[in-house]
PDB file of N, CA and C in Angstrom:
ATOM      1  N   UNK A   1       0.278   7.043  13.030  1.00  0.00           N
ATOM      2  CA  UNK A   1       1.399   5.530  11.683  1.00  0.00           C
ATOM      3  C   UNK A   1       2.820   6.864  11.314  1.00  0.00           C
ATOM      4  N   UNK A   2       3.303   6.014  10.910  1.00  0.00           N
ATOM      5  CA  UNK A   2       4.836   6.570  10.416  1.00  0.00           C
ATOM      6  C   UNK A   2       5.373   5.735   9.197  1.00  0.00           C
ATOM      7  N   UNK A   3       5.599   6.526   8.042  1.00  0.00           N
ATOM      8  CA  UNK A   3       6.049   5.643   7.598  1.00  0.00           C
ATOM      9  C   UNK A   3       7.711   6.290   6.670  1.00  0.00           C
ATOM     10  N   UNK A   4       8.215   5.091   6.194  1.00  0.00           N
ATOM     11  CA  UNK A   4       9.736   5.637   5.410  1.00  0.00           C
ATOM     12  C   UNK A   4       9.369   5.365   4.179  1.00  0.00           C
ATOM     13  N   UNK A   5       9.901   6.090   3.021  1.00  0.00           N
ATOM     14  CA  UNK A   5       9.549   5.630   1.784  1.00  0.00           C
ATOM     15  C   UNK A   5      11.353   5.236   1.222  1.00  0.00           C
ATOM     16  N   UNK A   6      11.679   4.353   0.219  1.00  0.00           N
ATOM     17  CA  UNK A   6      13.103   4.340  -0.203  1.00  0.00           C
ATOM     18  C   UNK A   6      12.988   4.046  -1.708  1.00  0.00           C
ATOM     19  N   UNK A   7      13.259   4.370  -2.629  1.00  0.00           N
ATOM     20  CA  UNK A   7      13.045   4.416  -4.037  1.00  0.00           C
ATOM     21  C   UNK A   7      14.435   4.039  -4.454  1.00  0.00           C
ATOM     22  N   UNK A   8      14.077   3.114  -5.565  1.00  0.00           N
ATOM     23  CA  UNK A   8      15.493   2.245  -6.313  1.00  0.00           C
ATOM     24  C   UNK A   8      15.038   2.402  -8.023  1.00  0.00           C
ATOM     25  N   UNK A   9      15.248   2.500  -8.375  1.00  0.00           N
ATOM     26  CA  UNK A   9      15.183   2.240 -10.302  1.00  0.00           C
ATOM     27  C   UNK A   9      13.800   2.505 -10.418  1.00  0.00           C
ATOM     28  N   UNK A  10      12.505   1.953 -10.563  1.00  0.00           N
ATOM     29  CA  UNK A  10      11.560   2.134 -10.594  1.00  0.00           C
ATOM     30  C   UNK A  10      10.353   1.298  -9.596  1.00  0.00           C
ATOM     31  N   UNK A  11      10.985   1.413  -8.301  1.00  0.00           N
ATOM     32  CA  UNK A  11      10.368   0.666  -7.126  1.00  0.00           C
ATOM     33  C   UNK A  11      10.021   1.781  -5.966  1.00  0.00           C
ATOM     34  N   UNK A  12       9.344   1.403  -5.683  1.00  0.00           N
ATOM     35  CA  UNK A  12       9.283   2.157  -4.280  1.00  0.00           C
ATOM     36  C   UNK A  12       8.994   1.201  -3.071  1.00  0.00           C
ATOM     37  N   UNK A  13       9.497   1.725  -2.401  1.00  0.00           N
ATOM     38  CA  UNK A  13       9.496   0.573  -0.405  1.00  0.00           C
ATOM     39  C   UNK A  13       9.095   1.298   0.604  1.00  0.00           C
ATOM     40  N   UNK A  14       7.622   1.064   0.683  1.00  0.00           N
ATOM     41  CA  UNK A  14       7.075   1.986   1.720  1.00  0.00           C
ATOM     42  C   UNK A  14       7.087   1.159   3.245  1.00  0.00           C
ATOM     43  N   UNK A  15       7.249   1.486   4.075  1.00  0.00           N
ATOM     44  CA  UNK A  15       7.577   0.618   5.500  1.00  0.00           C
ATOM     45  C   UNK A  15       6.401   1.533   5.934  1.00  0.00           C
ATOM     46  N   UNK A  16       5.507   0.929   6.884  1.00  0.00           N
ATOM     47  CA  UNK A  16       4.428   1.911   7.572  1.00  0.00           C
ATOM     48  C   UNK A  16       4.653   1.042   8.893  1.00  0.00           C
ATOM     49  N   UNK A  17       3.784   2.120  10.040  1.00  0.00           N
ATOM     50  CA  UNK A  17       4.034   1.498  11.169  1.00  0.00           C
ATOM     51  C   UNK A  17       3.162   1.767  12.077  1.00  0.00           C
ATOM     52  N   UNK A  18       2.451   1.408  12.450  1.00  0.00           N
ATOM     53  CA  UNK A  18       1.060   2.023  13.536  1.00  0.00           C
ATOM     54  C   UNK A  18      -0.512   1.196  13.111  1.00  0.00           C
ATOM     55  N   UNK A  19      -1.169   2.424  13.081  1.00  0.00           N
ATOM     56  CA  UNK A  19      -2.411   1.985  12.455  1.00  0.00           C
ATOM     57  C   UNK A  19      -2.573   3.266  11.435  1.00  0.00           C
ATOM     58  N   UNK A  20      -3.124   2.663  10.317  1.00  0.00           N
ATOM     59  CA  UNK A  20      -3.665   2.954   9.151  1.00  0.00           C
ATOM     60  C   UNK A  20      -4.811   3.828   9.146  1.00  0.00           C
ATOM     61  N   UNK A  21      -5.184   4.777   9.663  1.00  0.00           N
ATOM     62  CA  UNK A  21      -6.874   5.320  10.068  1.00  0.00           C
ATOM     63  C   UNK A  21      -6.765   6.290   8.874  1.00  0.00           C
ATOM     64  N   UNK A  22      -7.813   6.897   9.334  1.00  0.00           N
ATOM     65  CA  UNK A  22      -8.213   8.310   8.292  1.00  0.00           C
ATOM     66  C   UNK A  22      -7.120   9.441   7.779  1.00  0.00           C
ATOM     67  N   UNK A  23      -6.533   9.643   9.270  1.00  0.00           N
ATOM     68  CA  UNK A  23      -5.775  10.564   9.280  1.00  0.00           C
ATOM     69  C   UNK A  23      -4.400  10.018   8.457  1.00  0.00           C
ATOM     70  N   UNK A  24      -3.842   8.813   8.733  1.00  0.00           N
ATOM     71  CA  UNK A  24      -2.826   8.214   7.982  1.00  0.00           C
ATOM     72  C   UNK A  24      -3.089   7.745   6.959  1.00  0.00           C
ATOM     73  N   UNK A  25      -4.600   7.362   6.184  1.00  0.00           N
ATOM     74  CA  UNK A  25      -4.620   7.471   5.082  1.00  0.00           C
ATOM     75  C   UNK A  25      -4.660   8.813   4.419  1.00  0.00           C
ATOM     76  N   UNK A  26      -4.551   9.775   4.594  1.00  0.00           N
ATOM     77  CA  UNK A  26      -4.518  10.929   3.952  1.00  0.00           C
ATOM     78  C   UNK A  26      -2.816  11.065   3.798  1.00  0.00           C
ATOM     79  N   UNK A  27      -2.077  10.807   4.841  1.00  0.00           N
ATOM     80  CA  UNK A  27      -0.724  11.123   5.081  1.00  0.00           C
ATOM     81  C   UNK A  27      -0.178  10.137   3.551  1.00  0.00           C
ATOM     82  N   UNK A  28      -0.620   9.278   3.702  1.00  0.00           N
ATOM     83  CA  UNK A  28       0.031   8.414   3.003  1.00  0.00           C
ATOM     84  C   UNK A  28      -0.455   8.363   1.624  1.00  0.00           C
ATOM     85  N   UNK A  29      -1.116   8.852   1.370  1.00  0.00           N
ATOM     86  CA  UNK A  29      -1.601   9.552  -0.192  1.00  0.00           C
ATOM     87  C   UNK A  29      -0.666  10.582  -0.399  1.00  0.00           C
ATOM     88  N   UNK A  30      -0.967  11.735   0.350  1.00  0.00           N
ATOM     89  CA  UNK A  30      -0.348  12.831   0.204  1.00  0.00           C
ATOM     90  C   UNK A  30       1.511  12.653  -0.005  1.00  0.00           C
ATOM     91  N   UNK A  31       2.243  11.558   0.635  1.00  0.00           N
ATOM     92  CA  UNK A  31       3.084  11.146   0.523  1.00  0.00           C
ATOM     93  C   UNK A  31       3.567  10.617  -0.677  1.00  0.00           C
ATOM     94  N   UNK A  32       2.711   8.907  -1.276  1.00  0.00           N
ATOM     95  CA  UNK A  32       2.722   8.219  -2.236  1.00  0.00           C
ATOM     96  C   UNK A  32       3.071   9.471  -3.297  1.00  0.00           C
ATOM     97  N   UNK A  33       1.919  10.562  -3.282  1.00  0.00           N
ATOM     98  CA  UNK A  33       2.088  11.317  -4.895  1.00  0.00           C
ATOM     99  C   UNK A  33       3.365  12.296  -4.934  1.00  0.00           C
ATOM    100  N   UNK A  34       3.755  12.097  -3.678  1.00  0.00           N
ATOM    101  CA  UNK A  34       5.096  13.182  -4.047  1.00  0.00           C
ATOM    102  C   UNK A  34       6.137  12.326  -5.037  1.00  0.00           C
ATOM    103  N   UNK A  35       5.928  11.067  -4.926  1.00  0.00           N
ATOM    104  CA  UNK A  35       6.829   9.950  -5.867  1.00  0.00           C
ATOM    105  C   UNK A  35       6.554  10.372  -7.445  1.00  0.00           C
ATOM    106  N   UNK A  36       5.634  10.761  -7.460  1.00  0.00           N
ATOM    107  CA  UNK A  36       5.728  10.585  -9.274  1.00  0.00           C
ATOM    108  C   UNK A  36       5.141   9.146  -9.852  1.00  0.00           C
ATOM    109  N   UNK A  37       4.146   8.682  -9.576  1.00  0.00           N
ATOM    110  CA  UNK A  37       3.836   7.603 -10.080  1.00  0.00           C
ATOM    111  C   UNK A  37       4.397   7.064 -11.221  1.00  0.00           C
ATOM    112  N   UNK A  38       4.036   8.365 -12.095  1.00  0.00           N
ATOM    113  CA  UNK A  38       4.489   8.107 -13.398  1.00  0.00           C
ATOM    114  C   UNK A  38       5.451   7.319 -13.349  1.00  0.00           C
ATOM    115  N   UNK A  39       6.610   7.332 -12.937  1.00  0.00           N
ATOM    116  CA  UNK A  39       8.087   6.775 -13.009  1.00  0.00           C
ATOM    117  C   UNK A  39       7.985   5.713 -12.603  1.00  0.00           C
ATOM    118  N   UNK A  40       7.186   5.218 -11.316  1.00  0.00           N
ATOM    119  CA  UNK A  40       7.232   3.574 -11.160  1.00  0.00           C
ATOM    120  C   UNK A  40       6.457   2.277 -11.646  1.00  0.00           C
ATOM    121  N   UNK A  41       7.080   1.152 -12.013  1.00  0.00           N
ATOM    122  CA  UNK A  41       6.868   0.549 -12.320  1.00  0.00           C
ATOM    123  C   UNK A  41       5.698  -0.485 -10.826  1.00  0.00           C
ATOM    124  N   UNK A  42       6.540  -0.548  -9.553  1.00  0.00           N
ATOM    125  CA  UNK A  42       5.864  -1.169  -8.706  1.00  0.00           C
ATOM    126  C   UNK A  42       6.203  -0.420  -7.013  1.00  0.00           C
ATOM    127  N   UNK A  43       4.826  -0.683  -6.514  1.00  0.00           N
ATOM    128  CA  UNK A  43       5.092   0.087  -5.232  1.00  0.00           C
ATOM    129  C   UNK A  43       4.807  -0.955  -4.332  1.00  0.00           C
ATOM    130  N   UNK A  44       5.546  -1.537  -3.011  1.00  0.00           N
ATOM    131  CA  UNK A  44       5.953  -2.631  -2.267  1.00  0.00           C
ATOM    132  C   UNK A  44       5.416  -2.115  -0.701  1.00  0.00           C
ATOM    133  N   UNK A  45       4.281  -2.395  -0.260  1.00  0.00           N
ATOM    134  CA  UNK A  45       4.333  -1.864   1.079  1.00  0.00           C
ATOM    135  C   UNK A  45       4.306  -2.965   2.049  1.00  0.00           C
ATOM    136  N   UNK A  46       5.497  -2.500   3.242  1.00  0.00           N
ATOM    137  CA  UNK A  46       5.364  -3.158   3.843  1.00  0.00           C
ATOM    138  C   UNK A  46       4.942  -3.287   5.361  1.00  0.00           C
ATOM    139  N   UNK A  47       3.733  -4.160   5.651  1.00  0.00           N
ATOM    140  CA  UNK A  47       2.940  -4.007   6.451  1.00  0.00           C
ATOM    141  C   UNK A  47       3.069  -4.790   7.843  1.00  0.00           C
ATOM    142  N   UNK A  48       4.567  -5.078   8.216  1.00  0.00           N
ATOM    143  CA  UNK A  48       4.885  -6.129   9.305  1.00  0.00           C
ATOM    144  C   UNK A  48       4.627  -5.023  10.730  1.00  0.00           C
ATOM    145  N   UNK A  49       4.629  -3.679  10.931  1.00  0.00           N
ATOM    146  CA  UNK A  49       4.628  -2.720  12.030  1.00  0.00           C
ATOM    147  C   UNK A  49       3.440  -2.335  11.789  1.00  0.00           C
ATOM    148  N   UNK A  50       1.637  -3.186  11.249  1.00  0.00           N
ATOM    149  CA  UNK A  50       0.538  -1.965  11.276  1.00  0.00           C
ATOM    150  C   UNK A  50      -0.337  -3.160  11.707  1.00  0.00           C
ATOM    151  N   UNK A  51      -0.462  -2.320  12.658  1.00  0.00           N
ATOM    152  CA  UNK A  51      -1.882  -3.039  13.757  1.00  0.00           C
ATOM    153  C   UNK A  51      -3.063  -3.079  13.412  1.00  0.00           C
ATOM    154  N   UNK A  52      -3.544  -2.326  12.298  1.00  0.00           N
ATOM    155  CA  UNK A  52      -4.732  -2.219  11.765  1.00  0.00           C
ATOM    156  C   UNK A  52      -4.581  -0.899  10.513  1.00  0.00           C
ATOM    157  N   UNK A  53      -5.539  -1.400   9.569  1.00  0.00           N
ATOM    158  CA  UNK A  53      -6.620  -0.839   8.381  1.00  0.00           C
ATOM    159  C   UNK A  53      -7.321  -0.539   8.442  1.00  0.00           C
ATOM    160  N   UNK A  54      -8.031   0.833   8.380  1.00  0.00           N
ATOM    161  CA  UNK A  54      -9.434   1.079   8.345  1.00  0.00           C
ATOM    162  C   UNK A  54      -9.671   1.164   6.845  1.00  0.00           C
ATOM    163  N   UNK A  55     -11.122   1.545   6.172  1.00  0.00           N
ATOM    164  CA  UNK A  55     -11.430   1.811   5.426  1.00  0.00           C
ATOM    165  C   UNK A  55     -10.797   2.724   4.657  1.00  0.00           C
ATOM    166  N   UNK A  56     -10.319   3.632   5.074  1.00  0.00           N
ATOM    167  CA  UNK A  56      -9.924   5.170   4.023  1.00  0.00           C
ATOM    168  C   UNK A  56      -8.723   4.435   4.039  1.00  0.00           C
ATOM    169  N   UNK A  57      -7.491   3.833   4.476  1.00  0.00           N
ATOM    170  CA  UNK A  57      -6.602   3.061   3.541  1.00  0.00           C
ATOM    171  C   UNK A  57      -6.732   2.233   2.765  1.00  0.00           C
ATOM    172  N   UNK A  58      -7.654   1.152   2.828  1.00  0.00           N
ATOM    173  CA  UNK A  58      -7.856   0.274   2.286  1.00  0.00           C
ATOM    174  C   UNK A  58      -8.691   0.927   0.721  1.00  0.00           C
ATOM    175  N   UNK A  59      -9.275   2.326   0.890  1.00  0.00           N
ATOM    176  CA  UNK A  59      -9.730   2.988  -0.449  1.00  0.00           C
ATOM    177  C   UNK A  59      -8.300   3.626  -0.689  1.00  0.00           C
ATOM    178  N   UNK A  60      -7.268   4.209  -0.381  1.00  0.00           N
ATOM    179  CA  UNK A  60      -6.003   4.458  -0.911  1.00  0.00           C
ATOM    180  C   UNK A  60      -5.428   3.079  -1.526  1.00  0.00           C
ATOM    181  N   UNK A  61      -5.210   2.156  -1.143  1.00  0.00           N
ATOM    182  CA  UNK A  61      -4.642   1.064  -1.960  1.00  0.00           C
ATOM    183  C   UNK A  61      -5.104   0.960  -2.939  1.00  0.00           C
ATOM    184  N   UNK A  62      -6.528   1.354  -3.182  1.00  0.00           N
ATOM    185  CA  UNK A  62      -7.087   0.523  -4.560  1.00  0.00           C
ATOM    186  C   UNK A  62      -7.010   2.405  -5.181  1.00  0.00           C
ATOM    187  N   UNK A  63      -6.747   3.214  -4.611  1.00  0.00           N
ATOM    188  CA  UNK A  63      -6.598   4.460  -5.519  1.00  0.00           C
ATOM    189  C   UNK A  63      -5.220   4.337  -6.270  1.00  0.00           C
ATOM    190  N   UNK A  64      -4.118   3.780  -5.499  1.00  0.00           N
ATOM    191  CA  UNK A  64      -2.742   3.532  -5.647  1.00  0.00           C
ATOM    192  C   UNK A  64      -2.707   2.745  -6.928  1.00  0.00           C
ATOM    193  N   UNK A  65      -3.246   1.386  -6.493  1.00  0.00           N
ATOM    194  CA  UNK A  65      -3.757   0.648  -7.946  1.00  0.00           C
ATOM    195  C   UNK A  65      -4.000   0.863  -9.246  1.00  0.00           C
ATOM    196  N   UNK A  66      -5.176   2.043  -9.035  1.00  0.00           N
ATOM    197  CA  UNK A  66      -5.789   2.641  -9.880  1.00  0.00           C
ATOM    198  C   UNK A  66      -4.775   3.176 -10.749  1.00  0.00           C
ATOM    199  N   UNK A  67      -4.086   3.906 -10.576  1.00  0.00           N
ATOM    200  CA  UNK A  67      -3.125   5.077 -10.982  1.00  0.00           C
ATOM    201  C   UNK A  67      -2.409   4.039 -11.494  1.00  0.00           C
ATOM    202  N   UNK A  68      -1.209   3.053 -11.339  1.00  0.00           N
ATOM    203  CA  UNK A  68      -0.668   2.229 -11.129  1.00  0.00           C
ATOM    204  C   UNK A  68      -0.838   1.087 -12.560  1.00  0.00           C
ATOM    205  N   UNK A  69      -1.798   0.835 -12.538  1.00  0.00           N
ATOM    206  CA  UNK A  69      -2.307  -0.482 -13.667  1.00  0.00           C
ATOM    207  C   UNK A  69      -2.651  -0.263 -14.801  1.00  0.00           C
ATOM    208  N   UNK A  70      -3.241   0.637 -15.127  1.00  0.00           N
ATOM    209  CA  UNK A  70      -2.918   1.274 -16.417  1.00  0.00           C
ATOM    210  C   UNK A  70      -2.018   1.240 -17.533  1.00  0.00           C
ATOM    211  N   UNK A  71      -0.701   1.449 -16.810  1.00  0.00           N
ATOM    212  CA  UNK A  71       0.421   1.494 -17.064  1.00  0.00           C
ATOM    213  C   UNK A  71       1.346   0.070 -17.075  1.00  0.00           C
ATOM    214  N   UNK A  72       0.302  -0.701 -16.643  1.00  0.00           N
ATOM    215  CA  UNK A  72       1.219  -2.064 -16.290  1.00  0.00           C
ATOM    216  C   UNK A  72       2.037  -1.534 -15.142  1.00  0.00           C
ATOM    217  N   UNK A  73       1.641  -1.124 -13.862  1.00  0.00           N
ATOM    218  CA  UNK A  73       2.574  -1.473 -13.061  1.00  0.00           C
ATOM    219  C   UNK A  73       1.748  -2.297 -12.049  1.00  0.00           C
ATOM    220  N   UNK A  74       2.567  -2.327 -10.639  1.00  0.00           N
ATOM    221  CA  UNK A  74       1.725  -3.429  -9.685  1.00  0.00           C
ATOM    222  C   UNK A  74       2.139  -2.759  -8.126  1.00  0.00           C
ATOM    223  N   UNK A  75       1.115  -3.079  -7.475  1.00  0.00           N
ATOM    224  CA  UNK A  75       0.812  -2.923  -6.035  1.00  0.00           C
ATOM    225  C   UNK A  75       1.048  -4.222  -5.445  1.00  0.00           C
ATOM    226  N   UNK A  76       1.970  -4.090  -4.143  1.00  0.00           N
ATOM    227  CA  UNK A  76       2.326  -5.880  -3.880  1.00  0.00           C
ATOM    228  C   UNK A  76       2.362  -5.064  -2.374  1.00  0.00           C
ATOM    229  N   UNK A  77       1.484  -5.823  -1.192  1.00  0.00           N
ATOM    230  CA  UNK A  77       1.307  -5.779   0.106  1.00  0.00           C
ATOM    231  C   UNK A  77       2.519  -7.102   0.831  1.00  0.00           C
ATOM    232  N   UNK A  78       3.326  -6.626   1.360  1.00  0.00           N
ATOM    233  CA  UNK A  78       4.254  -8.038   2.149  1.00  0.00           C
ATOM    234  C   UNK A  78       3.937  -7.869   4.188  1.00  0.00           C
ATOM    235  N   UNK A  79       4.011  -8.956   4.436  1.00  0.00           N
ATOM    236  CA  UNK A  79       3.840  -9.059   5.851  1.00  0.00           C
ATOM    237  C   UNK A  79       2.958  -8.464   6.537  1.00  0.00           C
ATOM    238  N   UNK A  80       2.367  -8.738   6.460  1.00  0.00           N
ATOM    239  CA  UNK A  80       0.603  -8.360   6.298  1.00  0.00           C
ATOM    240  C   UNK A  80       0.453  -9.544   7.765  1.00  0.00           C
ATOM    241  N   UNK A  81      -0.256  -9.252   8.757  1.00  0.00           N
ATOM    242  CA  UNK A  81      -0.474  -9.767  10.056  1.00  0.00           C
ATOM    243  C   UNK A  81      -1.419 -10.684   9.055  1.00  0.00           C
ATOM    244  N   UNK A  82      -2.070 -12.032  10.549  1.00  0.00           N
ATOM    245  CA  UNK A  82      -2.649 -12.632   9.720  1.00  0.00           C
ATOM    246  C   UNK A  82      -4.489 -11.844   9.892  1.00  0.00           C
ATOM    247  N   UNK A  83      -4.741 -11.361  11.022  1.00  0.00           N
ATOM    248  CA  UNK A  83      -5.989 -10.517  10.644  1.00  0.00           C
ATOM    249  C   UNK A  83      -6.139 -10.020   9.108  1.00  0.00           C
ATOM    250  N   UNK A  84      -4.984  -8.595   9.540  1.00  0.00           N
ATOM    251  CA  UNK A  84      -5.136  -7.958   8.033  1.00  0.00           C
ATOM    252  C   UNK A  84      -4.800  -9.065   6.990  1.00  0.00           C
ATOM    253  N   UNK A  85      -4.459  -9.533   6.609  1.00  0.00           N
ATOM    254  CA  UNK A  85      -4.268 -10.773   5.497  1.00  0.00           C
ATOM    255  C   UNK A  85      -5.960 -11.454   5.364  1.00  0.00           C
ATOM    256  N   UNK A  86      -6.439 -11.644   6.456  1.00  0.00           N
ATOM    257  CA  UNK A  86      -7.161 -11.842   5.883  1.00  0.00           C
ATOM    258  C   UNK A  86      -8.580 -11.298   5.819  1.00  0.00           C
ATOM    259  N   UNK A  87      -8.416  -9.796   6.674  1.00  0.00           N
ATOM    260  CA  UNK A  87      -9.235  -8.859   6.017  1.00  0.00           C
ATOM    261  C   UNK A  87      -9.011  -8.406   4.450  1.00  0.00           C
ATOM    262  N   UNK A  88      -7.922  -8.362   3.549  1.00  0.00           N
ATOM    263  CA  UNK A  88      -7.757  -8.151   2.474  1.00  0.00           C
ATOM    264  C   UNK A  88      -7.964  -9.151   1.548  1.00  0.00           C
ATOM    265  N   UNK A  89      -7.962 -10.350   2.059  1.00  0.00           N
ATOM    266  CA  UNK A  89      -8.114 -11.414   1.102  1.00  0.00           C
ATOM    267  C   UNK A  89      -9.699 -11.788   1.157  1.00  0.00           C
ATOM    268  N   UNK A  90     -10.264 -11.172   2.503  1.00  0.00           N
ATOM    269  CA  UNK A  90     -12.455 -11.900   2.621  1.00  0.00           C
ATOM    270  C   UNK A  90     -12.622 -10.497   1.631  1.00  0.00           C
ATOM    271  N   UNK A  91     -11.964  -9.184   1.420  1.00  0.00           N
ATOM    272  CA  UNK A  91     -12.640  -8.162   0.486  1.00  0.00           C
ATOM    273  C   UNK A  91     -11.874  -8.481  -0.761  1.00  0.00           C
ATOM    274  N   UNK A  92     -11.251  -9.714  -1.113  1.00  0.00           N
ATOM    275  CA  UNK A  92     -10.721 -10.438  -2.719  1.00  0.00           C
ATOM    276  C   UNK A  92      -9.770  -9.393  -3.191  1.00  0.00           C
ATOM    277  N   UNK A  93      -9.039  -8.054  -2.395  1.00  0.00           N
ATOM    278  CA  UNK A  93      -8.021  -7.704  -3.215  1.00  0.00           C
ATOM    279  C   UNK A  93      -6.423  -8.305  -3.279  1.00  0.00           C
ATOM    280  N   UNK A  94      -6.708  -9.484  -3.100  1.00  0.00           N
ATOM    281  CA  UNK A  94      -5.732 -10.773  -3.928  1.00  0.00           C
ATOM    282  C   UNK A  94      -5.926 -10.616  -5.251  1.00  0.00           C
ATOM    283  N   UNK A  95      -7.322 -10.370  -5.832  1.00  0.00           N
ATOM    284  CA  UNK A  95      -7.364 -10.562  -7.014  1.00  0.00           C
ATOM    285  C   UNK A  95      -6.424  -9.674  -7.992  1.00  0.00           C
ATOM    286  N   UNK A  96      -6.246  -8.474  -7.268  1.00  0.00           N
ATOM    287  CA  UNK A  96      -5.815  -7.467  -8.197  1.00  0.00           C
ATOM    288  C   UNK A  96      -4.434  -6.925  -7.572  1.00  0.00           C
ATOM    289  N   UNK A  97      -4.088  -7.087  -6.378  1.00  0.00           N
ATOM    290  CA  UNK A  97      -2.269  -7.058  -5.991  1.00  0.00           C
ATOM    291  C   UNK A  97      -1.889  -7.967  -5.231  1.00  0.00           C
ATOM    292  N   UNK A  98      -0.597  -8.185  -4.922  1.00  0.00           N
ATOM    293  CA  UNK A  98      -0.183  -9.214  -4.249  1.00  0.00           C
ATOM    294  C   UNK A  98       0.299  -9.201  -3.051  1.00  0.00           C
ATOM    295  N   UNK A  99      -0.535 -10.040  -2.361  1.00  0.00           N
ATOM    296  CA  UNK A  99      -0.651  -9.870  -0.212  1.00  0.00           C
ATOM    297  C   UNK A  99      -0.108 -11.145   0.294  1.00  0.00           C
ATOM    298  N   UNK A 100       0.939 -11.126   0.633  1.00  0.00           N
ATOM    299  CA  UNK A 100       2.021 -11.998   1.453  1.00  0.00           C
ATOM    300  C   UNK A 100       1.900 -11.887   3.039  1.00  0.00           C
ATOM    301  N   UNK A 101       2.443 -12.775   3.826  1.00  0.00           N
ATOM    302  CA  UNK A 101       1.995 -12.074   5.190  1.00  0.00           C
ATOM    303  C   UNK A 101       3.513 -12.219   5.581  1.00  0.00           C
TER     304      UNK A 101
END
């Protein structure tokens, strides 16, 4: 998995590429935690180039949401492929953060 992070003001934009497996999820966690989430209002993940997300990746998204929500922060997933969109909405994750294709 490859990831690029751009920050502006109180927003972090994370572009992901490849498969978010267990190793990718740990790398994602490490990189996001380096951002000092206390200073962010929004985390945006671009899934345009994500081919698959496993349970470890989904767990990390929930962890980031848990870190952001108590401070009024939000998490958003953009450009999800149809299978990933269907998976995330089947898991009802669209009830806690925004998911778009």
